[in-house]
Amino acid sequence: MIHDDLIRIARGEVLTDDWSRQVYSVDASHHEIRPAAIVCPKDEHDVQEVCRYASAKGIPLTARGAGTGLLGQSLTRDGILLDFTKNMNRILELDDTHVLVQPGMVKAVLDRELKKRGKFLPPDPASSNYCTVGGMVANNSSGVHCLGYGNTIDFIEQVNVVYADGSTKSDEWFSKLYSLLSSNMELIKKSYPKVSKNSCGYRLDAAMDNPHKVFAASEGTLGLVTAARFSIVDIPAYRSMVVLGFEDLLSAIAGVPAILQFAPVALELLDSTVVDSRPDRQGCILLAEFAGSTLKQVEDAMNGCRQALADRSQVLEYASDEQSLSRIWAARKSALNRIMKLTVGSRRPVGLIEDTVVSPSLLADHTAGLLQEYRQNKLDYVMYGHVGDGNLHTRPLIDTASKAEMEMMQHLASRIFEHVIKNGGSITGEHGDGLARLGYIEMMYGTEMARLFRQVKELFDPNYILNPGKKVPVTKQ
């Protein structure tokens, strides 16, 4: 029995009872897939032993943090789940320039510890209160402040990894990776989208400069991260935010380029479809935050922004104290929770096109296209997102029990993705591919890059043990 085998090789807790398998069969997606067993590894040695066992037996192996992935990233059918949250959840090193942290640490807990030193790790997903650092690496998470500071991949310096065969030495793997990437350099340079956020496929473009970054956005398909070293930055001395109200969604989107001229560190959109449940809802708000080392720097940017938008928006709120800023951002981060409450029976907000990214200069056209698709298909929808990066979060409300409506959703996704790709964007900025978008990765990058992704997968995990069915189809060609 798998339970007896795992008990012998792992010092951490092993769970194979029906209740535990049911609990771990779901994440924040609509998928439900039961694992064969769950292991809560004590340390890296446990991870190595489980990898060796899974590799020898041909059993799938999937890492899991808090299960906040929206597309089934941490689910496995009849495989072993490694839950890092119980034991591998500590800071290992911390100084003024970097932090080394285990994958099971909750981001909000890390934030509190860094704040004591006046530091922070800028990527701040909406799920920061419960998502884990390992999951952030797996998805290349971003959040509201990535506009001013960057995404998870930008802060990764080094990762400690256990590979599919249980080994931990990276030199040989990285040497082979470098050789593979070097021989495909021109293909890589021309194939990636021209946007600031991208979690689609493997980030080989970033791995050219630092091979450790290949694990960002890889969804645990190349190796299991047991610790990650991030660069950290000073918390800005001054911060201010203005909340601007607009007549409608397209008016707000049209104001984005003007605001970007003043270099906000965050620029977020909340449409009335998210903040107002009335049938006759209208209006839209933008939240713009500015930060800097001097008060004058921040006030000048804030005042410039307000003046530039004075003729087309209304200032709804202004905040510069930490309590008010935290309150406003908490309301923004709760958007997805409010959206999920719109589910009534089998009618729910479906996430497939919910994470597209285009250049901010093309965002107005992209948004107009989305609205036209919704009108033509008579679909209700929600809309919000990181518009400063051109990253929209939108979900149509679909009857998931209706075959016709689910087919319509697939056709809608194909049209939207085709438009995004044609305009140099990404089909997923920060949520990743998971199970839902696996079939669109080749559409995004083309046949040659899809083949290269398969080569990278087989370099690190030739037997498709690690989180199979994500990033690269399991069937070998």
Protein backbone atom coordinates (compact mmCIF):
# COMPACT_ATOMS: atom_id res chain seq x y z
CA MET A 1 0.00 0.00 0.00
CA ILE A 2 1.16 3.50 -0.80
CA HIS A 3 0.40 4.60 2.78
CA ASP A 4 2.69 1.98 4.29
CA ASP A 5 5.46 2.80 1.80
CA LEU A 6 5.28 6.52 2.51
CA ILE A 7 5.19 6.01 6.29
CA ARG A 8 8.49 4.15 6.02
CA ILE A 9 10.28 6.80 3.97
CA ALA A 10 8.86 10.13 5.23
CA ARG A 11 9.09 11.57 8.72
CA GLY A 12 6.29 14.04 8.03
CA GLU A 13 2.61 13.26 8.29
CA VAL A 14 1.12 10.91 5.67
CA LEU A 15 -2.61 11.07 4.89
CA THR A 16 -4.52 8.59 2.76
CA ASP A 17 -7.96 8.55 4.43
CA ASP A 18 -11.03 9.46 2.38
CA TRP A 19 -11.68 12.72 4.22
CA SER A 20 -8.17 14.07 3.68
CA ARG A 21 -8.16 13.05 0.04
CA GLN A 22 -11.47 14.85 -0.41
CA VAL A 23 -10.17 18.01 1.27
CA TYR A 24 -7.13 18.05 -1.01
CA SER A 25 -9.18 17.30 -4.14
CA VAL A 26 -10.11 20.96 -4.59
CA ASP A 27 -8.38 24.31 -4.85
CA ALA A 28 -9.65 27.75 -5.89
CA SER A 29 -10.62 26.45 -9.34
CA HIS A 30 -13.81 24.60 -10.30
CA HIS A 31 -11.89 21.31 -10.67
CA GLU A 32 -12.18 18.40 -8.23
CA ILE A 33 -9.48 15.72 -8.52
CA ARG A 34 -8.55 13.27 -5.77
CA PRO A 35 -4.91 12.51 -4.93
CA ALA A 36 -3.84 9.05 -3.78
CA ALA A 37 -1.96 10.39 -0.76
CA ILE A 38 -0.82 13.56 0.95
CA VAL A 39 2.59 14.01 2.57
CA CYS A 40 3.52 16.96 4.79
CA PRO A 41 7.32 16.79 4.48
CA LYS A 42 9.42 17.63 7.53
CA ASP A 43 12.35 18.89 5.51
CA GLU A 44 14.19 18.68 2.22
CA HIS A 45 15.33 15.14 2.99
CA ASP A 46 11.69 14.04 3.16
CA VAL A 47 11.07 15.65 -0.23
CA GLN A 48 14.04 13.80 -1.69
CA GLU A 49 12.87 10.44 -0.36
CA VAL A 50 9.33 10.94 -1.68
CA CYS A 51 10.70 11.98 -5.09
CA ARG A 52 12.86 8.86 -5.29
CA TYR A 53 9.89 6.69 -4.36
CA ALA A 54 7.51 8.38 -6.82
CA SER A 55 10.09 8.18 -9.58
CA ALA A 56 10.72 4.48 -9.00
CA LYS A 57 6.99 3.68 -8.91
CA GLY A 58 5.92 6.05 -11.69
CA ILE A 59 3.54 7.92 -9.40
CA PRO A 60 2.70 11.58 -10.13
CA LEU A 61 4.00 14.08 -7.60
CA THR A 62 2.53 17.55 -7.09
CA ALA A 63 3.50 20.37 -4.74
CA ARG A 64 0.82 22.32 -2.89
CA GLY A 65 0.75 25.47 -0.82
CA ALA A 66 -2.54 27.03 0.24
CA GLY A 67 -4.44 25.79 -2.82
CA THR A 68 -5.24 29.31 -4.02
CA GLY A 69 -4.49 28.53 -7.67
CA LEU A 70 -7.42 29.40 -9.92
CA LEU A 71 -6.78 26.82 -12.64
CA GLY A 72 -6.14 23.50 -10.90
CA GLN A 73 -2.37 23.87 -10.62
CA SER A 74 -2.06 21.94 -7.35
CA LEU A 75 -4.40 19.04 -8.15
CA THR A 76 -3.29 15.55 -9.11
CA ARG A 77 -5.21 12.45 -10.10
CA ASP A 78 -4.10 9.41 -8.07
CA GLY A 79 -0.76 11.04 -7.34
CA ILE A 80 1.07 12.19 -4.21
CA LEU A 81 0.52 15.73 -2.98
CA LEU A 82 3.31 17.38 -1.00
CA ASP A 83 1.79 19.96 1.37
CA PHE A 84 4.59 22.33 2.39
CA THR A 85 2.48 24.53 4.69
CA LYS A 86 2.63 22.43 7.84
CA ASN A 87 6.39 22.07 8.43
CA MET A 88 8.39 23.87 5.73
CA ASN A 89 7.13 27.38 6.46
CA ARG A 90 10.00 29.37 7.97
CA ILE A 91 12.44 32.14 7.15
CA LEU A 92 15.93 30.61 6.93
CA GLU A 93 17.97 33.79 6.36
CA LEU A 94 17.21 37.49 6.46
CA ASP A 95 19.40 40.55 6.01
CA ASP A 96 19.07 44.01 4.48
CA THR A 97 19.18 42.83 0.89
CA HIS A 98 17.58 39.40 0.72
CA VAL A 99 15.44 36.78 2.41
CA LEU A 100 15.69 32.98 2.13
CA VAL A 101 12.33 31.40 2.85
CA GLN A 102 10.74 27.94 2.73
CA PRO A 103 7.90 27.38 0.24
CA GLY A 104 5.14 26.81 2.79
CA MET A 105 5.38 30.26 4.38
CA VAL A 106 2.30 32.43 4.01
CA LYS A 107 3.05 35.71 2.22
CA ALA A 108 1.32 37.85 4.87
CA VAL A 109 3.47 36.28 7.61
CA LEU A 110 6.59 37.05 5.58
CA ASP A 111 5.34 40.61 5.07
CA ARG A 112 5.04 41.15 8.83
CA GLU A 113 8.58 39.92 9.46
CA LEU A 114 10.07 42.03 6.69
CA LYS A 115 8.20 45.11 7.86
CA LYS A 116 10.03 44.95 11.20
CA ARG A 117 13.19 45.77 9.21
CA GLY A 118 11.52 48.39 7.03
CA LYS A 119 11.63 46.01 4.04
CA PHE A 120 9.15 44.30 1.75
CA LEU A 121 8.85 41.79 -1.06
CA PRO A 122 6.63 43.74 -3.48
CA PRO A 123 4.58 41.03 -5.24
CA ASP A 124 1.28 41.08 -3.31
CA PRO A 125 -1.44 38.83 -4.74
CA ALA A 126 -5.03 39.34 -3.62
CA SER A 127 -4.65 36.07 -1.71
CA SER A 128 -1.61 37.31 0.28
CA ASN A 129 -3.30 36.57 3.59
CA TYR A 130 -3.15 32.84 2.88
CA CYS A 131 -1.16 32.11 -0.30
CA THR A 132 2.34 30.70 0.12
CA VAL A 133 5.70 31.77 -1.23
CA GLY A 134 6.12 28.47 -3.06
CA GLY A 135 2.84 29.00 -4.86
CA MET A 136 3.93 32.51 -5.80
CA VAL A 137 7.06 31.11 -7.43
CA ALA A 138 5.06 28.39 -9.19
CA ASN A 139 2.67 30.95 -10.71
CA ASN A 140 5.02 33.92 -10.99
CA SER A 141 2.52 35.89 -8.94
CA SER A 142 2.20 39.65 -9.18
CA GLY A 143 -0.50 41.73 -7.49
CA VAL A 144 -1.41 45.38 -7.25
CA HIS A 145 2.11 46.78 -6.79
CA CYS A 146 3.86 44.94 -9.61
CA LEU A 147 3.41 48.05 -11.78
CA GLY A 148 5.98 49.92 -9.72
CA TYR A 149 8.21 47.09 -8.57
CA GLY A 150 7.94 43.95 -10.70
CA ASN A 151 6.70 40.36 -10.44
CA THR A 152 7.90 37.39 -8.39
CA ILE A 153 10.33 36.35 -11.13
CA ASP A 154 12.07 39.74 -10.89
CA PHE A 155 12.99 39.15 -7.24
CA ILE A 156 14.18 35.54 -7.46
CA GLU A 157 17.93 35.26 -6.90
CA GLN A 158 18.22 31.54 -6.27
CA VAL A 159 16.08 28.51 -5.48
CA ASN A 160 16.88 25.24 -3.74
CA VAL A 161 15.29 22.44 -5.73
CA VAL A 162 14.68 18.73 -5.42
CA TYR A 163 14.48 17.22 -8.87
CA ALA A 164 12.28 14.34 -10.04
CA ASP A 165 14.94 11.74 -9.28
CA GLY A 166 15.47 13.08 -5.75
CA SER A 167 18.75 14.85 -6.48
CA THR A 168 19.48 18.42 -5.34
CA LYS A 169 22.57 19.41 -7.33
CA SER A 170 21.65 22.01 -9.96
CA ASP A 171 24.96 22.47 -11.81
CA GLU A 172 24.49 19.61 -14.26
CA TRP A 173 20.85 20.49 -14.94
CA PHE A 174 21.64 24.15 -15.48
CA SER A 175 24.53 23.33 -17.80
CA LYS A 176 22.21 21.29 -20.01
CA LEU A 177 19.55 24.00 -19.83
CA TYR A 178 22.05 26.66 -20.87
CA SER A 179 23.13 24.57 -23.84
CA LEU A 180 19.52 24.05 -24.91
CA LEU A 181 18.60 27.72 -24.55
CA SER A 182 21.76 28.94 -26.26
CA SER A 183 21.00 26.90 -29.36
CA ASN A 184 17.49 28.40 -29.47
CA MET A 185 18.31 31.98 -28.52
CA GLU A 186 16.81 33.67 -31.58
CA LEU A 187 13.60 31.68 -31.28
CA ILE A 188 13.28 32.65 -27.61
CA LYS A 189 13.97 36.33 -28.26
CA LYS A 190 11.23 36.64 -30.87
CA SER A 191 8.58 34.45 -29.22
CA TYR A 192 7.76 36.16 -25.93
CA PRO A 193 5.03 38.80 -25.54
CA LYS A 194 5.92 42.48 -25.28
CA VAL A 195 4.24 43.07 -21.92
CA SER A 196 5.42 43.47 -18.32
CA LYS A 197 3.59 40.41 -16.96
CA ASN A 198 3.55 36.85 -18.26
CA SER A 199 2.89 33.49 -16.60
CA CYS A 200 2.22 31.46 -19.73
CA GLY A 201 4.44 28.49 -20.56
CA TYR A 202 8.01 28.39 -19.29
CA ARG A 203 9.84 31.69 -18.77
CA LEU A 204 12.88 30.75 -20.80
CA ASP A 205 13.43 34.42 -21.63
CA ALA A 206 14.25 35.14 -17.97
CA ALA A 207 16.23 31.91 -17.54
CA MET A 208 18.73 33.11 -20.13
CA ASP A 209 20.13 35.53 -17.53
CA ASN A 210 19.51 33.47 -14.39
CA PRO A 211 18.72 29.74 -14.74
CA HIS A 212 17.04 29.68 -11.32
CA LYS A 213 14.24 31.76 -12.82
CA VAL A 214 13.14 28.86 -15.01
CA PHE A 215 11.20 27.61 -11.99
CA ALA A 216 9.09 30.78 -11.82
CA ALA A 217 5.74 30.14 -13.55
CA SER A 218 6.67 26.45 -14.00
CA GLU A 219 3.87 25.23 -11.69
CA GLY A 220 6.08 22.61 -10.08
CA THR A 221 6.60 20.69 -13.33
CA LEU A 222 10.42 20.96 -13.43
CA GLY A 223 11.41 20.54 -9.79
CA LEU A 224 10.17 21.01 -6.24
CA VAL A 225 11.34 24.25 -4.65
CA THR A 226 12.34 23.72 -1.02
CA ALA A 227 13.63 27.26 -0.41
CA ALA A 228 13.74 30.48 -2.41
CA ARG A 229 16.07 33.43 -2.04
CA PHE A 230 14.51 36.80 -2.95
CA SER A 231 15.91 40.28 -3.12
CA ILE A 232 13.97 42.69 -0.91
CA VAL A 233 13.58 46.46 -1.01
CA ASP A 234 12.97 49.35 1.37
CA ILE A 235 9.41 50.26 2.23
CA PRO A 236 8.92 53.70 0.64
CA ALA A 237 9.04 56.64 3.04
CA TYR A 238 5.93 58.24 1.58
CA ARG A 239 2.81 56.84 -0.07
CA SER A 240 -0.40 58.44 -1.27
CA MET A 241 -3.46 57.24 -3.13
CA VAL A 242 -6.25 58.87 -5.06
CA VAL A 243 -9.52 57.11 -5.88
CA LEU A 244 -11.05 58.46 -9.08
CA GLY A 245 -14.63 57.92 -10.21
CA PHE A 246 -15.61 57.70 -13.89
CA GLU A 247 -18.91 57.61 -15.73
CA ASP A 248 -18.31 54.13 -17.14
CA LEU A 249 -15.72 51.45 -17.77
CA LEU A 250 -14.42 52.72 -21.10
CA SER A 251 -14.03 56.26 -19.72
CA ALA A 252 -11.88 54.88 -16.92
CA ILE A 253 -9.77 52.80 -19.31
CA ALA A 254 -9.26 55.86 -21.50
CA GLY A 255 -7.75 57.67 -18.51
CA VAL A 256 -5.06 55.04 -17.88
CA PRO A 257 -2.35 56.44 -20.25
CA ALA A 258 -2.66 59.90 -18.67
CA ILE A 259 -2.16 58.49 -15.17
CA LEU A 260 0.81 56.37 -16.22
CA GLN A 261 2.71 59.53 -17.15
CA PHE A 262 3.07 60.21 -13.42
CA ALA A 263 4.65 56.80 -12.67
CA PRO A 264 2.21 55.30 -10.15
CA VAL A 265 3.39 52.19 -8.30
CA ALA A 266 -0.14 50.79 -8.56
CA LEU A 267 -3.08 51.53 -10.86
CA GLU A 268 -6.16 49.38 -10.34
CA LEU A 269 -9.65 49.26 -11.80
CA LEU A 270 -12.90 48.23 -10.14
CA ASP A 271 -15.94 48.31 -12.41
CA SER A 272 -19.48 48.63 -11.07
CA THR A 273 -19.98 44.99 -12.03
CA VAL A 274 -17.71 44.14 -9.09
CA VAL A 275 -18.58 46.79 -6.49
CA ASP A 276 -22.32 47.24 -7.09
CA SER A 277 -24.91 44.46 -7.24
CA ARG A 278 -27.81 46.63 -8.52
CA PRO A 279 -29.25 45.73 -11.95
CA ASP A 280 -28.89 49.35 -13.14
CA ARG A 281 -25.29 49.59 -11.93
CA GLN A 282 -22.94 51.98 -13.69
CA GLY A 283 -19.74 53.83 -13.08
CA CYS A 284 -16.15 52.72 -12.56
CA ILE A 285 -13.27 53.63 -10.27
CA LEU A 286 -9.50 53.76 -10.61
CA LEU A 287 -7.15 53.49 -7.63
CA ALA A 288 -3.77 55.13 -8.22
CA GLU A 289 -0.97 54.92 -5.65
CA PHE A 290 2.23 56.96 -5.73
CA ALA A 291 5.33 56.34 -3.61
CA GLY A 292 8.75 57.85 -3.14
CA SER A 293 11.57 58.88 -0.85
CA THR A 294 10.40 62.49 -0.46
CA LEU A 295 7.00 63.97 0.30
CA LYS A 296 7.34 66.49 -2.53
CA GLN A 297 7.99 63.74 -5.07
CA VAL A 298 4.80 61.95 -4.08
CA GLU A 299 2.65 65.08 -3.81
CA ASP A 300 3.81 66.37 -7.20
CA ALA A 301 2.89 63.09 -8.88
CA MET A 302 -0.45 62.96 -7.05
CA ASN A 303 -1.38 66.54 -7.93
CA GLY A 304 -0.30 66.09 -11.53
CA CYS A 305 -2.50 63.02 -11.84
CA ARG A 306 -5.51 64.77 -10.33
CA GLN A 307 -5.14 67.76 -12.61
CA ALA A 308 -4.68 65.63 -15.72
CA LEU A 309 -7.94 63.79 -15.01
CA ALA A 310 -9.91 66.74 -13.58
CA ASP A 311 -12.14 67.18 -16.63
CA ARG A 312 -13.20 63.53 -16.87
CA SER A 313 -13.23 62.10 -13.36
CA GLN A 314 -14.24 62.86 -9.81
CA VAL A 315 -11.95 62.48 -6.81
CA LEU A 316 -13.82 60.09 -4.51
CA GLU A 317 -11.14 59.68 -1.85
CA TYR A 318 -7.60 60.65 -1.00
CA ALA A 319 -5.39 58.72 1.43
CA SER A 320 -1.82 59.00 2.66
CA ASP A 321 -1.88 57.36 6.10
CA GLU A 322 -1.17 53.64 6.42
CA GLN A 323 -4.53 52.78 7.98
CA SER A 324 -6.51 54.34 5.12
CA LEU A 325 -4.24 52.85 2.47
CA SER A 326 -4.59 49.39 4.02
CA ARG A 327 -8.37 49.74 4.16
CA ILE A 328 -8.65 50.70 0.49
CA TRP A 329 -6.32 47.95 -0.68
CA ALA A 330 -8.17 45.40 1.44
CA ALA A 331 -11.37 46.35 -0.40
CA ARG A 332 -9.60 45.92 -3.74
CA LYS A 333 -8.17 42.54 -2.76
CA SER A 334 -11.59 41.25 -1.76
CA ALA A 335 -12.88 41.71 -5.33
CA LEU A 336 -12.46 38.04 -6.28
CA ASN A 337 -14.24 36.88 -3.11
CA ARG A 338 -17.20 39.11 -3.98
CA ILE A 339 -17.20 37.81 -7.52
CA MET A 340 -17.29 34.16 -6.47
CA LYS A 341 -20.41 34.91 -4.41
CA LEU A 342 -22.24 35.57 -7.69
CA THR A 343 -22.44 31.80 -8.17
CA VAL A 344 -26.03 30.58 -8.20
CA GLY A 345 -26.36 26.87 -8.79
CA SER A 346 -24.44 25.98 -11.95
CA ARG A 347 -24.33 29.61 -13.13
CA ARG A 348 -21.00 31.03 -12.11
CA PRO A 349 -18.26 33.48 -13.11
CA VAL A 350 -15.96 31.30 -15.21
CA GLY A 351 -12.24 32.00 -15.27
CA LEU A 352 -10.63 31.23 -18.61
CA ILE A 353 -10.13 34.66 -20.18
CA GLU A 354 -9.75 36.31 -16.76
CA ASP A 355 -6.05 37.17 -16.94
CA THR A 356 -5.18 38.63 -20.33
CA VAL A 357 -2.46 41.26 -20.72
CA VAL A 358 -1.91 43.78 -23.50
CA SER A 359 0.15 46.93 -23.70
CA PRO A 360 -1.68 49.69 -21.77
CA SER A 361 -1.78 51.69 -25.01
CA LEU A 362 -3.95 48.93 -26.51
CA LEU A 363 -6.12 48.36 -23.45
CA ALA A 364 -9.03 50.56 -24.59
CA ASP A 365 -9.40 48.60 -27.83
CA HIS A 366 -9.04 45.29 -26.00
CA THR A 367 -11.70 46.25 -23.45
CA ALA A 368 -14.10 47.43 -26.14
CA GLY A 369 -13.64 44.09 -27.89
CA LEU A 370 -14.44 42.19 -24.70
CA LEU A 371 -17.60 44.24 -24.12
CA GLN A 372 -18.70 43.63 -27.70
CA GLU A 373 -18.24 39.87 -27.26
CA TYR A 374 -20.29 39.95 -24.06
CA ARG A 375 -23.09 41.91 -25.73
CA GLN A 376 -23.20 39.66 -28.80
CA ASN A 377 -23.41 36.55 -26.62
CA LYS A 378 -25.85 38.18 -24.15
CA LEU A 379 -23.49 37.48 -21.24
CA ASP A 380 -23.38 39.15 -17.86
CA TYR A 381 -19.82 39.72 -16.68
CA VAL A 382 -17.50 41.20 -14.07
CA MET A 383 -14.46 43.38 -14.76
CA TYR A 384 -11.55 44.61 -12.66
CA GLY A 385 -7.78 44.34 -12.68
CA HIS A 386 -4.29 45.75 -12.89
CA VAL A 387 -4.90 48.20 -15.72
CA GLY A 388 -1.58 49.98 -15.22
CA ASP A 389 0.02 46.82 -16.66
CA GLY A 390 -2.76 46.26 -19.19
CA ASN A 391 -3.83 43.22 -17.15
CA LEU A 392 -7.63 42.79 -17.05
CA HIS A 393 -9.48 40.32 -14.84
CA THR A 394 -12.87 39.57 -16.36
CA ARG A 395 -15.26 36.65 -16.07
CA PRO A 396 -18.50 36.04 -17.94
CA LEU A 397 -21.28 34.36 -15.97
CA ILE A 398 -21.79 30.95 -17.58
CA ASP A 399 -24.13 28.04 -16.88
CA THR A 400 -21.49 25.35 -16.44
CA ALA A 401 -24.18 22.65 -16.65
CA SER A 402 -25.04 23.76 -20.18
CA LYS A 403 -22.98 22.12 -22.91
CA ALA A 404 -23.91 24.89 -25.32
CA GLU A 405 -22.76 27.64 -22.98
CA MET A 406 -19.50 25.87 -22.16
CA GLU A 407 -18.81 25.44 -25.88
CA MET A 408 -19.60 29.12 -26.38
CA MET A 409 -17.05 29.91 -23.66
CA GLN A 410 -14.37 27.93 -25.51
CA HIS A 411 -15.09 29.76 -28.76
CA LEU A 412 -15.07 33.08 -26.91
CA ALA A 413 -11.70 32.26 -25.35
CA SER A 414 -10.19 31.35 -28.70
CA ARG A 415 -11.28 34.64 -30.25
CA ILE A 416 -10.12 36.74 -27.29
CA PHE A 417 -6.76 34.94 -27.04
CA GLU A 418 -6.19 35.28 -30.78
CA HIS A 419 -6.72 39.04 -30.51
CA VAL A 420 -4.40 39.31 -27.48
CA ILE A 421 -1.62 37.29 -29.13
CA LYS A 422 -1.90 39.25 -32.38
CA ASN A 423 -1.32 42.42 -30.36
CA GLY A 424 1.80 41.12 -28.60
CA GLY A 425 0.08 40.30 -25.31
CA SER A 426 -0.17 37.31 -23.00
CA ILE A 427 -3.15 35.06 -22.35
CA THR A 428 -2.18 34.96 -18.67
CA GLY A 429 -0.31 37.63 -16.77
CA GLU A 430 -0.21 36.20 -13.27
CA HIS A 431 -2.67 33.33 -12.76
CA GLY A 432 -0.76 30.73 -14.77
CA ASP A 433 -1.95 27.97 -17.10
CA GLY A 434 -2.91 25.05 -14.86
CA LEU A 435 -5.36 22.60 -16.34
CA ALA A 436 -7.62 25.17 -17.98
CA ARG A 437 -5.15 26.92 -20.29
CA LEU A 438 -2.80 24.04 -21.13
CA GLY A 439 -4.39 23.66 -24.55
CA TYR A 440 -3.77 27.32 -25.44
CA ILE A 441 -0.02 27.47 -24.76
CA GLU A 442 0.95 26.36 -28.27
CA MET A 443 -1.51 28.92 -29.65
CA MET A 444 0.33 31.55 -27.64
CA TYR A 445 3.91 30.62 -28.59
CA GLY A 446 3.71 28.54 -31.76
CA THR A 447 4.82 25.01 -32.63
CA GLU A 448 8.56 25.58 -32.31
CA MET A 449 8.35 27.04 -28.82
CA ALA A 450 5.91 24.33 -27.73
CA ARG A 451 8.49 21.79 -28.86
CA LEU A 452 11.19 23.64 -26.90
CA PHE A 453 8.98 23.64 -23.79
CA ARG A 454 8.67 19.88 -24.14
CA GLN A 455 12.45 19.56 -24.38
CA VAL A 456 12.87 21.62 -21.21
CA LYS A 457 10.29 19.47 -19.42
CA GLU A 458 12.01 16.26 -20.49
CA LEU A 459 15.42 17.63 -19.53
CA PHE A 460 14.33 18.06 -15.91
CA ASP A 461 11.59 15.44 -15.68
CA PRO A 462 11.92 12.85 -18.47
CA ASN A 463 9.30 10.51 -17.02
CA TYR A 464 6.66 13.20 -16.46
CA ILE A 465 6.44 12.55 -12.73
CA LEU A 466 6.17 16.19 -11.59
CA ASN A 467 2.68 17.69 -11.83
CA PRO A 468 1.85 16.01 -15.13
CA GLY A 469 -0.74 17.63 -17.38
CA LYS A 470 0.43 21.18 -16.60
CA LYS A 471 2.50 23.34 -18.98
CA VAL A 472 3.25 20.43 -21.35
CA PRO A 473 0.83 17.66 -22.44
CA VAL A 474 1.74 14.27 -20.98
CA THR A 475 1.59 12.37 -24.28
CA LYS A 476 5.08 12.28 -25.77
CA GLN A 477 5.56 13.04 -29.43
